[in-house]
Amino acid sequence: KCFCRYCYYKRKWILFIYNFGAMFLLPVVYAKLKNRRKENS
């Protein structure tokens, strides 16, 4: 909250775009990170 308030001061619309985009990417990235678990040692 502090990072965003400082770095995006008066630019909350950028955070809205980030949040909107992440909503669709999250399931894809999560699946990739989880499925790679057994490939590493």
All heavy atoms as atom14 arrays in JSON, in Angstrom:
{
  "sequence": "KCFCRYCYYKRKWILFIYNFGAMFLLPVVYAKLKNRRKENS",
  "atom14_mask": [
    [1, 1, 1, 1, 1, 1, 1, 1, 1, 0, 0, 0, 0, 0],
    [1, 1, 1, 1, 1, 1, 0, 0, 0, 0, 0, 0, 0, 0],
    [1, 1, 1, 1, 1, 1, 1, 1, 1, 1, 1, 0, 0, 0],
    [1, 1, 1, 1, 1, 1, 0, 0, 0, 0, 0, 0, 0, 0],
    [1, 1, 1, 1, 1, 1, 1, 1, 1, 1, 1, 0, 0, 0],
    [1, 1, 1, 1, 1, 1, 1, 1, 1, 1, 1, 1, 0, 0],
    [1, 1, 1, 1, 1, 1, 0, 0, 0, 0, 0, 0, 0, 0],
    [1, 1, 1, 1, 1, 1, 1, 1, 1, 1, 1, 1, 0, 0],
    [1, 1, 1, 1, 1, 1, 1, 1, 1, 1, 1, 1, 0, 0],
    [1, 1, 1, 1, 1, 1, 1, 1, 1, 0, 0, 0, 0, 0],
    [1, 1, 1, 1, 1, 1, 1, 1, 1, 1, 1, 0, 0, 0],
    [1, 1, 1, 1, 1, 1, 1, 1, 1, 0, 0, 0, 0, 0],
    [1, 1, 1, 1, 1, 1, 1, 1, 1, 1, 1, 1, 1, 1],
    [1, 1, 1, 1, 1, 1, 1, 1, 0, 0, 0, 0, 0, 0],
    [1, 1, 1, 1, 1, 1, 1, 1, 0, 0, 0, 0, 0, 0],
    [1, 1, 1, 1, 1, 1, 1, 1, 1, 1, 1, 0, 0, 0],
    [1, 1, 1, 1, 1, 1, 1, 1, 0, 0, 0, 0, 0, 0],
    [1, 1, 1, 1, 1, 1, 1, 1, 1, 1, 1, 1, 0, 0],
    [1, 1, 1, 1, 1, 1, 1, 1, 0, 0, 0, 0, 0, 0],
    [1, 1, 1, 1, 1, 1, 1, 1, 1, 1, 1, 0, 0, 0],
    [1, 1, 1, 1, 0, 0, 0, 0, 0, 0, 0, 0, 0, 0],
    [1, 1, 1, 1, 1, 0, 0, 0, 0, 0, 0, 0, 0, 0],
    [1, 1, 1, 1, 1, 1, 1, 1, 0, 0, 0, 0, 0, 0],
    [1, 1, 1, 1, 1, 1, 1, 1, 1, 1, 1, 0, 0, 0],
    [1, 1, 1, 1, 1, 1, 1, 1, 0, 0, 0, 0, 0, 0],
    [1, 1, 1, 1, 1, 1, 1, 1, 0, 0, 0, 0, 0, 0],
    [1, 1, 1, 1, 1, 1, 1, 0, 0, 0, 0, 0, 0, 0],
    [1, 1, 1, 1, 1, 1, 1, 0, 0, 0, 0, 0, 0, 0],
    [1, 1, 1, 1, 1, 1, 1, 0, 0, 0, 0, 0, 0, 0],
    [1, 1, 1, 1, 1, 1, 1, 1, 1, 1, 1, 1, 0, 0],
    [1, 1, 1, 1, 1, 0, 0, 0, 0, 0, 0, 0, 0, 0],
    [1, 1, 1, 1, 1, 1, 1, 1, 1, 0, 0, 0, 0, 0],
    [1, 1, 1, 1, 1, 1, 1, 1, 0, 0, 0, 0, 0, 0],
    [1, 1, 1, 1, 1, 1, 1, 1, 1, 0, 0, 0, 0, 0],
    [1, 1, 1, 1, 1, 1, 1, 1, 0, 0, 0, 0, 0, 0],
    [1, 1, 1, 1, 1, 1, 1, 1, 1, 1, 1, 0, 0, 0],
    [1, 1, 1, 1, 1, 1, 1, 1, 1, 1, 1, 0, 0, 0],
    [1, 1, 1, 1, 1, 1, 1, 1, 1, 0, 0, 0, 0, 0],
    [1, 1, 1, 1, 1, 1, 1, 1, 1, 0, 0, 0, 0, 0],
    [1, 1, 1, 1, 1, 1, 1, 1, 0, 0, 0, 0, 0, 0],
    [1, 1, 1, 1, 1, 1, 0, 0, 0, 0, 0, 0, 0, 0]
  ],
  "atom14_positions": [
    [[0.83, -1.2, 0.0], [0.0, 0.0, 0.0], [0.87, 1.26, 0.0], [0.59, 2.23, -0.72], [-0.92, 0.0, 1.22], [-1.92, -1.15, 1.28], [-3.04, -1.0, 0.28], [-4.04, 0.04, 0.74], [-5.2, 0.13, -0.19], [0.0, 0.0, 0.0], [0.0, 0.0, 0.0], [0.0, 0.0, 0.0], [0.0, 0.0, 0.0], [0.0, 0.0, 0.0]],
    [[1.93, 1.24, 0.81], [2.83, 2.4, 0.9], [3.6, 2.59, -0.4], [3.75, 3.72, -0.89], [3.8, 2.23, 2.06], [3.04, 2.36, 3.69], [0.0, 0.0, 0.0], [0.0, 0.0, 0.0], [0.0, 0.0, 0.0], [0.0, 0.0, 0.0], [0.0, 0.0, 0.0], [0.0, 0.0, 0.0], [0.0, 0.0, 0.0], [0.0, 0.0, 0.0]],
    [[4.09, 1.49, -0.96], [4.84, 1.55, -2.22], [3.97, 2.15, -3.32], [4.4, 3.05, -4.06], [5.29, 0.14, -2.6], [5.92, 0.06, -3.97], [7.26, 0.31, -4.15], [5.15, -0.28, -5.09], [7.84, 0.24, -5.41], [5.71, -0.36, -6.35], [7.06, -0.1, -6.51], [0.0, 0.0, 0.0], [0.0, 0.0, 0.0], [0.0, 0.0, 0.0]],
    [[2.77, 1.66, -3.45], [1.87, 2.14, -4.52], [1.47, 3.59, -4.3], [1.42, 4.38, -5.25], [0.63, 1.26, -4.6], [0.97, -0.4, -5.21], [0.0, 0.0, 0.0], [0.0, 0.0, 0.0], [0.0, 0.0, 0.0], [0.0, 0.0, 0.0], [0.0, 0.0, 0.0], [0.0, 0.0, 0.0], [0.0, 0.0, 0.0], [0.0, 0.0, 0.0]],
    [[1.19, 3.95, -3.05], [0.78, 5.33, -2.78], [1.91, 6.31, -3.15], [1.65, 7.39, -3.68], [0.39, 5.48, -1.31], [-0.05, 6.89, -0.91], [-1.25, 7.34, -1.73], [-2.45, 6.57, -1.47], [-3.41, 6.93, -0.63], [-3.32, 8.07, 0.03], [-4.46, 6.17, -0.46], [0.0, 0.0, 0.0], [0.0, 0.0, 0.0], [0.0, 0.0, 0.0]],
    [[3.15, 5.89, -2.88], [4.29, 6.78, -3.16], [4.66, 6.77, -4.65], [4.76, 7.83, -5.28], [5.51, 6.35, -2.35], [6.75, 7.14, -2.68], [6.93, 8.43, -2.16], [7.74, 6.63, -3.51], [8.05, 9.17, -2.48], [8.85, 7.36, -3.84], [9.02, 8.63, -3.33], [10.13, 9.37, -3.65], [0.0, 0.0, 0.0], [0.0, 0.0, 0.0]],
    [[4.85, 5.6, -5.22], [5.36, 5.5, -6.59], [4.33, 5.87, -7.65], [4.68, 6.32, -8.75], [5.9, 4.1, -6.85], [7.38, 3.69, -5.9], [0.0, 0.0, 0.0], [0.0, 0.0, 0.0], [0.0, 0.0, 0.0], [0.0, 0.0, 0.0], [0.0, 0.0, 0.0], [0.0, 0.0, 0.0], [0.0, 0.0, 0.0], [0.0, 0.0, 0.0]],
    [[3.05, 5.68, -7.34], [2.0, 5.99, -8.3], [1.14, 7.14, -7.81], [-0.07, 7.18, -8.02], [1.16, 4.75, -8.58], [1.99, 3.6, -9.1], [2.4, 2.57, -8.24], [2.41, 3.55, -10.42], [3.18, 1.53, -8.7], [3.19, 2.51, -10.88], [3.58, 1.51, -10.02], [4.36, 0.48, -10.47], [0.0, 0.0, 0.0], [0.0, 0.0, 0.0]],
    [[1.77, 8.07, -7.14], [1.09, 9.24, -6.6], [0.34, 9.95, -7.73], [0.91, 10.32, -8.74], [2.11, 10.16, -5.95], [1.54, 11.4, -5.32], [0.63, 11.32, -4.28], [1.93, 12.67, -5.75], [0.11, 12.45, -3.68], [1.44, 13.82, -5.16], [0.51, 13.71, -4.13], [0.01, 14.84, -3.53], [0.0, 0.0, 0.0], [0.0, 0.0, 0.0]],
    [[-0.97, 10.1, -7.57], [-1.86, 10.72, -8.55], [-1.87, 9.96, -9.89], [-2.16, 10.53, -10.94], [-1.47, 12.19, -8.77], [-1.72, 13.05, -7.54], [-1.54, 14.52, -7.82], [-1.89, 15.36, -6.59], [-1.75, 16.8, -6.83], [0.0, 0.0, 0.0], [0.0, 0.0, 0.0], [0.0, 0.0, 0.0], [0.0, 0.0, 0.0], [0.0, 0.0, 0.0]],
    [[-1.53, 8.65, -9.84], [-1.57, 7.83, -11.05], [-2.22, 6.49, -10.74], [-1.74, 5.44, -11.15], [-0.15, 7.6, -11.59], [0.45, 8.81, -12.26], [1.81, 8.44, -12.79], [2.3, 9.46, -13.71], [3.39, 9.33, -14.45], [4.1, 8.22, -14.35], [3.78, 10.28, -15.25], [0.0, 0.0, 0.0], [0.0, 0.0, 0.0], [0.0, 0.0, 0.0]],
    [[-3.31, 6.52, -10.04], [-3.98, 5.28, -9.63], [-4.5, 4.5, -10.83], [-4.68, 3.28, -10.75], [-5.13, 5.6, -8.67], [-4.66, 6.09, -7.31], [-5.84, 6.33, -6.39], [-5.38, 6.81, -5.02], [-6.53, 7.06, -4.1], [0.0, 0.0, 0.0], [0.0, 0.0, 0.0], [0.0, 0.0, 0.0], [0.0, 0.0, 0.0], [0.0, 0.0, 0.0]],
    [[-4.73, 5.18, -11.93], [-5.24, 4.51, -13.12], [-4.26, 3.45, -13.63], [-4.68, 2.43, -14.19], [-5.53, 5.53, -14.23], [-4.34, 6.35, -14.66], [-3.91, 7.52, -14.13], [-3.44, 6.02, -15.72], [-2.78, 7.96, -14.78], [-2.47, 7.06, -15.76], [-3.33, 4.98, -16.63], [-1.43, 7.08, -16.68], [-2.29, 4.99, -17.55], [-1.36, 6.03, -17.57]],
    [[-2.96, 3.66, -13.41], [-1.97, 2.68, -13.83], [-2.12, 1.39, -13.01], [-2.04, 0.28, -13.54], [-0.55, 3.25, -13.7], [-0.37, 4.39, -14.69], [0.51, 2.18, -13.92], [0.97, 5.08, -14.63], [0.0, 0.0, 0.0], [0.0, 0.0, 0.0], [0.0, 0.0, 0.0], [0.0, 0.0, 0.0], [0.0, 0.0, 0.0], [0.0, 0.0, 0.0]],
    [[-2.35, 1.56, -11.71], [-2.55, 0.4, -10.85], [-3.81, -0.37, -11.26], [-3.85, -1.6, -11.18], [-2.65, 0.83, -9.39], [-1.34, 1.27, -8.74], [-1.6, 1.84, -7.35], [-0.36, 0.13, -8.66], [0.0, 0.0, 0.0], [0.0, 0.0, 0.0], [0.0, 0.0, 0.0], [0.0, 0.0, 0.0], [0.0, 0.0, 0.0], [0.0, 0.0, 0.0]],
    [[-4.81, 0.37, -11.69], [-6.05, -0.28, -12.16], [-5.75, -1.17, -13.37], [-6.21, -2.31, -13.46], [-7.1, 0.77, -12.53], [-8.35, 0.19, -13.13], [-9.34, -0.36, -12.33], [-8.52, 0.16, -14.51], [-10.48, -0.92, -12.89], [-9.65, -0.39, -15.08], [-10.64, -0.93, -14.27], [0.0, 0.0, 0.0], [0.0, 0.0, 0.0], [0.0, 0.0, 0.0]],
    [[-4.93, -0.65, -14.29], [-4.55, -1.43, -15.47], [-3.74, -2.66, -15.08], [-3.96, -3.76, -15.57], [-3.75, -0.55, -16.46], [-4.66, 0.54, -17.04], [-3.14, -1.39, -17.58], [-3.95, 1.55, -17.92], [0.0, 0.0, 0.0], [0.0, 0.0, 0.0], [0.0, 0.0, 0.0], [0.0, 0.0, 0.0], [0.0, 0.0, 0.0], [0.0, 0.0, 0.0]],
    [[-2.76, -2.46, -14.16], [-1.95, -3.58, -13.68], [-2.84, -4.66, -13.06], [-2.68, -5.85, -13.31], [-0.95, -3.11, -12.62], [0.23, -2.32, -13.14], [1.12, -1.71, -12.25], [0.48, -2.18, -14.5], [2.21, -0.99, -12.7], [1.56, -1.44, -14.96], [2.43, -0.86, -14.06], [3.5, -0.14, -14.5], [0.0, 0.0, 0.0], [0.0, 0.0, 0.0]],
    [[-3.76, -4.22, -12.22], [-4.63, -5.16, -11.52], [-5.55, -5.91, -12.49], [-5.76, -7.11, -12.36], [-5.46, -4.4, -10.47], [-5.83, -5.27, -9.29], [-5.0, -5.97, -8.74], [-7.1, -5.23, -8.9], [0.0, 0.0, 0.0], [0.0, 0.0, 0.0], [0.0, 0.0, 0.0], [0.0, 0.0, 0.0], [0.0, 0.0, 0.0], [0.0, 0.0, 0.0]],
    [[-6.05, -5.18, -13.46], [-6.95, -5.78, -14.45], [-6.2, -6.83, -15.27], [-6.7, -7.94, -15.5], [-7.53, -4.69, -15.37], [-8.53, -5.19, -16.36], [-9.82, -5.51, -15.96], [-8.18, -5.36, -17.69], [-10.76, -5.99, -16.88], [-9.1, -5.83, -18.6], [-10.39, -6.15, -18.2], [0.0, 0.0, 0.0], [0.0, 0.0, 0.0], [0.0, 0.0, 0.0]],
    [[-4.99, -6.49, -15.72], [-4.2, -7.42, -16.52], [-3.8, -8.65, -15.72], [-3.85, -9.78, -16.22], [0.0, 0.0, 0.0], [0.0, 0.0, 0.0], [0.0, 0.0, 0.0], [0.0, 0.0, 0.0], [0.0, 0.0, 0.0], [0.0, 0.0, 0.0], [0.0, 0.0, 0.0], [0.0, 0.0, 0.0], [0.0, 0.0, 0.0], [0.0, 0.0, 0.0]],
    [[-3.4, -8.43, -14.45], [-2.97, -9.54, -13.6], [-4.1, -10.52, -13.32], [-3.86, -11.72, -13.13], [-2.4, -8.98, -12.28], [0.0, 0.0, 0.0], [0.0, 0.0, 0.0], [0.0, 0.0, 0.0], [0.0, 0.0, 0.0], [0.0, 0.0, 0.0], [0.0, 0.0, 0.0], [0.0, 0.0, 0.0], [0.0, 0.0, 0.0], [0.0, 0.0, 0.0]],
    [[-5.32, -10.02, -13.31], [-6.47, -10.89, -13.04], [-6.53, -12.03, -14.06], [-6.87, -13.17, -13.71], [-7.76, -10.06, -13.1], [-9.03, -10.86, -12.88], [-10.5, -9.8, -12.74], [-10.48, -8.98, -14.35], [0.0, 0.0, 0.0], [0.0, 0.0, 0.0], [0.0, 0.0, 0.0], [0.0, 0.0, 0.0], [0.0, 0.0, 0.0], [0.0, 0.0, 0.0]],
    [[-6.19, -11.76, -15.31], [-6.23, -12.79, -16.36], [-4.95, -13.61, -16.43], [-4.98, -14.79, -16.79], [-6.49, -12.13, -17.72], [-7.82, -11.44, -17.8], [-7.92, -10.06, -17.61], [-8.99, -12.17, -18.04], [-9.15, -9.42, -17.67], [-10.22, -11.53, -18.1], [-10.31, -10.16, -17.91], [0.0, 0.0, 0.0], [0.0, 0.0, 0.0], [0.0, 0.0, 0.0]],
    [[-3.82, -13.01, -16.06], [-2.54, -13.7, -16.15], [-2.29, -14.64, -14.97], [-1.6, -15.65, -15.11], [-1.4, -12.69, -16.23], [-1.26, -11.91, -17.53], [-0.18, -10.84, -17.4], [-0.93, -12.85, -18.68], [0.0, 0.0, 0.0], [0.0, 0.0, 0.0], [0.0, 0.0, 0.0], [0.0, 0.0, 0.0], [0.0, 0.0, 0.0], [0.0, 0.0, 0.0]],
    [[-2.86, -14.31, -13.82], [-2.58, -15.07, -12.6], [-2.81, -16.58, -12.75], [-1.92, -17.38, -12.41], [-3.43, -14.53, -11.45], [-2.73, -13.6, -10.45], [-3.74, -13.03, -9.48], [-1.63, -14.33, -9.69], [0.0, 0.0, 0.0], [0.0, 0.0, 0.0], [0.0, 0.0, 0.0], [0.0, 0.0, 0.0], [0.0, 0.0, 0.0], [0.0, 0.0, 0.0]],
    [[-3.95, -17.03, -13.25], [-4.18, -18.48, -13.34], [-3.16, -19.17, -14.24], [-2.72, -20.29, -13.94], [-5.6, -18.58, -13.94], [-6.23, -17.26, -13.64], [-5.12, -16.26, -13.69], [0.0, 0.0, 0.0], [0.0, 0.0, 0.0], [0.0, 0.0, 0.0], [0.0, 0.0, 0.0], [0.0, 0.0, 0.0], [0.0, 0.0, 0.0], [0.0, 0.0, 0.0]],
    [[-2.76, -18.5, -15.31], [-1.79, -19.08, -16.26], [-0.43, -19.21, -15.61], [0.22, -20.27, -15.67], [-1.69, -18.2, -17.53], [-0.66, -18.79, -18.5], [-3.05, -18.08, -18.21], [0.0, 0.0, 0.0], [0.0, 0.0, 0.0], [0.0, 0.0, 0.0], [0.0, 0.0, 0.0], [0.0, 0.0, 0.0], [0.0, 0.0, 0.0], [0.0, 0.0, 0.0]],
    [[0.04, -18.12, -14.98], [1.36, -18.13, -14.35], [1.39, -19.09, -13.17], [2.36, -19.83, -12.98], [1.74, -16.69, -13.89], [3.09, -16.71, -13.17], [1.81, -15.75, -15.1], [0.0, 0.0, 0.0], [0.0, 0.0, 0.0], [0.0, 0.0, 0.0], [0.0, 0.0, 0.0], [0.0, 0.0, 0.0], [0.0, 0.0, 0.0], [0.0, 0.0, 0.0]],
    [[0.32, -19.11, -12.39], [0.25, -20.01, -11.23], [0.36, -21.47, -11.68], [1.09, -22.27, -11.08], [-1.06, -19.78, -10.48], [-1.29, -20.78, -9.35], [-0.53, -20.74, -8.19], [-2.28, -21.75, -9.47], [-0.74, -21.65, -7.16], [-2.5, -22.68, -8.44], [-1.72, -22.61, -7.3], [-1.91, -23.52, -6.29], [0.0, 0.0, 0.0], [0.0, 0.0, 0.0]],
    [[-0.35, -21.82, -12.73], [-0.32, -23.19, -13.23], [1.09, -23.58, -13.67], [1.57, -24.69, -13.4], [-1.3, -23.35, -14.4], [0.0, 0.0, 0.0], [0.0, 0.0, 0.0], [0.0, 0.0, 0.0], [0.0, 0.0, 0.0], [0.0, 0.0, 0.0], [0.0, 0.0, 0.0], [0.0, 0.0, 0.0], [0.0, 0.0, 0.0], [0.0, 0.0, 0.0]],
    [[1.78, -22.64, -14.31], [3.15, -22.92, -14.77], [4.09, -23.12, -13.6], [4.9, -24.05, -13.58], [3.66, -21.78, -15.66], [3.06, -21.77, -17.05], [3.76, -20.75, -17.94], [3.25, -20.85, -19.38], [3.99, -19.93, -20.28], [0.0, 0.0, 0.0], [0.0, 0.0, 0.0], [0.0, 0.0, 0.0], [0.0, 0.0, 0.0], [0.0, 0.0, 0.0]],
    [[4.02, -22.23, -12.62], [4.92, -22.33, -11.47], [4.66, -23.6, -10.66], [5.59, -24.24, -10.17], [4.76, -21.1, -10.56], [5.16, -19.75, -11.16], [5.07, -18.66, -10.11], [6.57, -19.79, -11.73], [0.0, 0.0, 0.0], [0.0, 0.0, 0.0], [0.0, 0.0, 0.0], [0.0, 0.0, 0.0], [0.0, 0.0, 0.0], [0.0, 0.0, 0.0]],
    [[3.42, -23.97, -10.53], [3.07, -25.16, -9.76], [3.48, -26.43, -10.48], [4.01, -27.39, -9.88], [1.56, -25.18, -9.48], [1.14, -26.32, -8.56], [-0.34, -26.25, -8.25], [-0.76, -27.42, -7.36], [-2.21, -27.37, -7.05], [0.0, 0.0, 0.0], [0.0, 0.0, 0.0], [0.0, 0.0, 0.0], [0.0, 0.0, 0.0], [0.0, 0.0, 0.0]],
    [[3.28, -26.48, -11.79], [3.59, -27.68, -12.57], [5.09, -27.92, -12.72], [5.5, -29.05, -13.01], [2.94, -27.6, -13.95], [1.43, -27.67, -13.88], [0.87, -28.2, -12.91], [0.75, -27.13, -14.88], [0.0, 0.0, 0.0], [0.0, 0.0, 0.0], [0.0, 0.0, 0.0], [0.0, 0.0, 0.0], [0.0, 0.0, 0.0], [0.0, 0.0, 0.0]],
    [[5.89, -26.89, -12.54], [7.34, -27.07, -12.68], [7.96, -27.7, -11.43], [9.13, -28.04, -11.43], [8.02, -25.72, -12.91], [7.82, -25.13, -14.29], [8.79, -23.99, -14.53], [8.36, -23.18, -15.66], [8.09, -21.9, -15.59], [8.2, -21.26, -14.44], [7.72, -21.23, -16.65], [0.0, 0.0, 0.0], [0.0, 0.0, 0.0], [0.0, 0.0, 0.0]],
    [[7.19, -27.84, -10.36], [7.74, -28.24, -9.07], [8.57, -29.51, -9.16], [9.68, -29.58, -8.66], [6.63, -28.42, -8.05], [7.13, -28.78, -6.66], [5.97, -29.04, -5.71], [5.1, -27.88, -5.63], [3.87, -27.91, -5.14], [3.37, -29.05, -4.7], [3.13, -26.83, -5.09], [0.0, 0.0, 0.0], [0.0, 0.0, 0.0], [0.0, 0.0, 0.0]],
    [[8.07, -30.56, -9.83], [8.74, -31.85, -9.85], [9.91, -31.89, -10.84], [10.66, -32.86, -10.88], [7.73, -32.95, -10.19], [6.68, -33.14, -9.1], [5.71, -34.24, -9.45], [4.65, -34.4, -8.36], [3.66, -35.46, -8.69], [0.0, 0.0, 0.0], [0.0, 0.0, 0.0], [0.0, 0.0, 0.0], [0.0, 0.0, 0.0], [0.0, 0.0, 0.0]],
    [[10.03, -30.86, -11.65], [11.11, -30.83, -12.64], [12.42, -30.36, -12.03], [13.46, -30.43, -12.66], [10.73, -29.9, -13.8], [9.47, -30.33, -14.54], [9.05, -29.28, -15.55], [9.84, -28.33, -15.76], [7.96, -29.41, -16.14], [0.0, 0.0, 0.0], [0.0, 0.0, 0.0], [0.0, 0.0, 0.0], [0.0, 0.0, 0.0], [0.0, 0.0, 0.0]],
    [[12.37, -29.85, -10.81], [13.56, -29.26, -10.2], [14.02, -30.07, -8.99], [13.22, -30.62, -8.25], [13.27, -27.81, -9.76], [13.0, -26.92, -10.94], [13.91, -26.33, -11.5], [11.73, -26.83, -11.34], [0.0, 0.0, 0.0], [0.0, 0.0, 0.0], [0.0, 0.0, 0.0], [0.0, 0.0, 0.0], [0.0, 0.0, 0.0], [0.0, 0.0, 0.0]],
    [[15.33, -30.09, -8.81], [15.92, -30.78, -7.66], [17.24, -30.1, -7.33], [17.65, -29.14, -7.99], [16.14, -32.26, -7.98], [16.99, -32.4, -9.12], [0.0, 0.0, 0.0], [0.0, 0.0, 0.0], [0.0, 0.0, 0.0], [0.0, 0.0, 0.0], [0.0, 0.0, 0.0], [0.0, 0.0, 0.0], [0.0, 0.0, 0.0], [0.0, 0.0, 0.0]]
  ]
}
